[in-house]
Amino acid sequence: METIYQNSTGFTISVAIRDDGVPVDLTAATVTLKLYAFGTDTLKWSHASIIDDIPNGLAHYVAIATDFDTLGDYYTNIVVTKTNYSIG
């Protein structure tokens, strides 16, 4: 768990996509981060990530001003979609 302060912007959320510990090749894939409120499971936002390292499954997203404008407890779901393969 990580603490992010209200109205924080410009920081990077990095993800390493693995399937049973093995990096997922992100060729022709999209990586989406979705932020939900605990308790209500209400979607706060959904953003495409930037893929940094295709064969090693690395991606990131840089937070913008409206991402953490509301105080609360949240969790992130990472969705990887590619032809004939989906994790999330």
C-alpha atoms as a PDB file:
ATOM      1  CA  MET A   1       0.000   0.000   0.000  1.00  0.00           C
ATOM      2  CA  GLU A   2       1.216   3.494  -0.779  1.00  0.00           C
ATOM      3  CA  THR A   3       0.120   6.846   0.635  1.00  0.00           C
ATOM      4  CA  ILE A   4      -0.648   9.485  -1.972  1.00  0.00           C
ATOM      5  CA  TYR A   5      -1.648  12.904  -0.761  1.00  0.00           C
ATOM      6  CA  GLN A   6      -4.692  14.784  -1.992  1.00  0.00           C
ATOM      7  CA  ASN A   7      -3.968  16.906  -5.104  1.00  0.00           C
ATOM      8  CA  SER A   8      -0.636  15.166  -5.742  1.00  0.00           C
ATOM      9  CA  THR A   9       0.378  15.361  -9.401  1.00  0.00           C
ATOM     10  CA  GLY A  10       3.281  14.529 -11.668  1.00  0.00           C
ATOM     11  CA  PHE A  11       4.423  11.361  -9.910  1.00  0.00           C
ATOM     12  CA  THR A  12       4.854   8.103 -11.789  1.00  0.00           C
ATOM     13  CA  ILE A  13       2.949   4.893 -11.138  1.00  0.00           C
ATOM     14  CA  SER A  14       5.126   2.094 -12.528  1.00  0.00           C
ATOM     15  CA  VAL A  15       3.870  -1.420 -13.211  1.00  0.00           C
ATOM     16  CA  ALA A  16       5.631  -4.665 -14.072  1.00  0.00           C
ATOM     17  CA  ILE A  17       3.212  -7.076 -15.736  1.00  0.00           C
ATOM     18  CA  ARG A  18       3.866 -10.713 -14.843  1.00  0.00           C
ATOM     19  CA  ASP A  19       1.978 -13.952 -15.403  1.00  0.00           C
ATOM     20  CA  ASP A  20       3.075 -16.604 -12.872  1.00  0.00           C
ATOM     21  CA  GLY A  21       6.245 -14.566 -12.286  1.00  0.00           C
ATOM     22  CA  VAL A  22       7.182 -14.396 -15.966  1.00  0.00           C
ATOM     23  CA  PRO A  23       7.203 -11.000 -17.748  1.00  0.00           C
ATOM     24  CA  VAL A  24       4.311 -10.604 -20.183  1.00  0.00           C
ATOM     25  CA  ASP A  25       5.392  -9.514 -23.661  1.00  0.00           C
ATOM     26  CA  LEU A  26       3.335  -6.388 -24.375  1.00  0.00           C
ATOM     27  CA  THR A  27       3.584  -6.534 -28.173  1.00  0.00           C
ATOM     28  CA  ALA A  28       0.264  -5.225 -29.558  1.00  0.00           C
ATOM     29  CA  ALA A  29      -1.065  -4.799 -26.006  1.00  0.00           C
ATOM     30  CA  THR A  30      -2.731  -2.002 -24.077  1.00  0.00           C
ATOM     31  CA  VAL A  31      -2.234  -1.462 -20.346  1.00  0.00           C
ATOM     32  CA  THR A  32      -4.959   0.410 -18.483  1.00  0.00           C
ATOM     33  CA  LEU A  33      -4.894   1.523 -14.844  1.00  0.00           C
ATOM     34  CA  LYS A  34      -8.263   1.857 -13.135  1.00  0.00           C
ATOM     35  CA  LEU A  35      -8.676   3.513  -9.734  1.00  0.00           C
ATOM     36  CA  TYR A  36     -11.643   2.479  -7.564  1.00  0.00           C
ATOM     37  CA  ALA A  37     -12.938   3.715  -4.196  1.00  0.00           C
ATOM     38  CA  PHE A  38     -12.782   1.136  -1.392  1.00  0.00           C
ATOM     39  CA  GLY A  39     -16.165   0.111  -0.036  1.00  0.00           C
ATOM     40  CA  THR A  40     -18.270   1.283  -2.981  1.00  0.00           C
ATOM     41  CA  ASP A  41     -16.084  -0.012  -5.829  1.00  0.00           C
ATOM     42  CA  THR A  42     -16.890   3.220  -7.682  1.00  0.00           C
ATOM     43  CA  LEU A  43     -14.560   3.899 -10.610  1.00  0.00           C
ATOM     44  CA  LYS A  44     -12.697   7.186 -10.022  1.00  0.00           C
ATOM     45  CA  TRP A  45     -10.684   7.075 -13.244  1.00  0.00           C
ATOM     46  CA  SER A  46      -9.342   4.878 -16.000  1.00  0.00           C
ATOM     47  CA  HIS A  47      -6.182   5.827 -17.933  1.00  0.00           C
ATOM     48  CA  ALA A  48      -4.059   4.189 -20.591  1.00  0.00           C
ATOM     49  CA  SER A  49      -0.470   3.594 -19.540  1.00  0.00           C
ATOM     50  CA  ILE A  50       2.693   4.185 -21.519  1.00  0.00           C
ATOM     51  CA  ILE A  51       4.509   0.953 -22.334  1.00  0.00           C
ATOM     52  CA  ASP A  52       8.216   1.335 -21.555  1.00  0.00           C
ATOM     53  CA  ASP A  53       9.669  -2.112 -22.191  1.00  0.00           C
ATOM     54  CA  ILE A  54       7.600  -4.390 -24.423  1.00  0.00           C
ATOM     55  CA  PRO A  55       9.382  -7.737 -23.889  1.00  0.00           C
ATOM     56  CA  ASN A  56       9.745  -7.248 -20.117  1.00  0.00           C
ATOM     57  CA  GLY A  57       6.175  -6.100 -19.442  1.00  0.00           C
ATOM     58  CA  LEU A  58       7.014  -2.652 -18.032  1.00  0.00           C
ATOM     59  CA  ALA A  59       4.648   0.320 -18.218  1.00  0.00           C
ATOM     60  CA  HIS A  60       3.896   3.553 -16.362  1.00  0.00           C
ATOM     61  CA  TYR A  61       1.345   6.317 -15.899  1.00  0.00           C
ATOM     62  CA  VAL A  62       2.017   9.905 -14.727  1.00  0.00           C
ATOM     63  CA  ALA A  63      -0.663  11.325 -12.411  1.00  0.00           C
ATOM     64  CA  ILE A  64      -2.535  14.460 -13.484  1.00  0.00           C
ATOM     65  CA  ALA A  65      -4.259  17.155 -11.400  1.00  0.00           C
ATOM     66  CA  THR A  66      -7.705  15.536 -11.213  1.00  0.00           C
ATOM     67  CA  ASP A  67      -6.532  11.997 -10.396  1.00  0.00           C
ATOM     68  CA  PHE A  68      -6.216  12.464  -6.638  1.00  0.00           C
ATOM     69  CA  ASP A  69      -8.370  15.538  -6.042  1.00  0.00           C
ATOM     70  CA  THR A  70     -10.788  13.691  -3.748  1.00  0.00           C
ATOM     71  CA  LEU A  71      -9.690  12.474  -0.322  1.00  0.00           C
ATOM     72  CA  GLY A  72     -10.370   8.778   0.236  1.00  0.00           C
ATOM     73  CA  ASP A  73      -9.120   5.220   0.146  1.00  0.00           C
ATOM     74  CA  TYR A  74      -8.610   3.713  -3.299  1.00  0.00           C
ATOM     75  CA  TYR A  75      -7.250   0.635  -5.008  1.00  0.00           C
ATOM     76  CA  THR A  76      -5.911   0.135  -8.534  1.00  0.00           C
ATOM     77  CA  ASN A  77      -6.810  -2.544 -11.030  1.00  0.00           C
ATOM     78  CA  ILE A  78      -4.403  -3.077 -13.922  1.00  0.00           C
ATOM     79  CA  VAL A  79      -5.923  -4.417 -17.139  1.00  0.00           C
ATOM     80  CA  VAL A  80      -3.706  -5.801 -19.895  1.00  0.00           C
ATOM     81  CA  THR A  81      -5.434  -6.511 -23.177  1.00  0.00           C
ATOM     82  CA  LYS A  82      -3.922  -8.040 -26.272  1.00  0.00           C
ATOM     83  CA  THR A  83      -5.232 -10.256 -29.028  1.00  0.00           C
ATOM     84  CA  ASN A  84      -6.090 -13.711 -27.671  1.00  0.00           C
ATOM     85  CA  TYR A  85      -4.684 -12.813 -24.214  1.00  0.00           C
ATOM     86  CA  SER A  86      -6.091 -10.839 -21.309  1.00  0.00           C
ATOM     87  CA  ILE A  87      -5.019 -10.303 -17.696  1.00  0.00           C
ATOM     88  CA  GLY A  88      -7.017  -8.189 -15.275  1.00  0.00           C
END
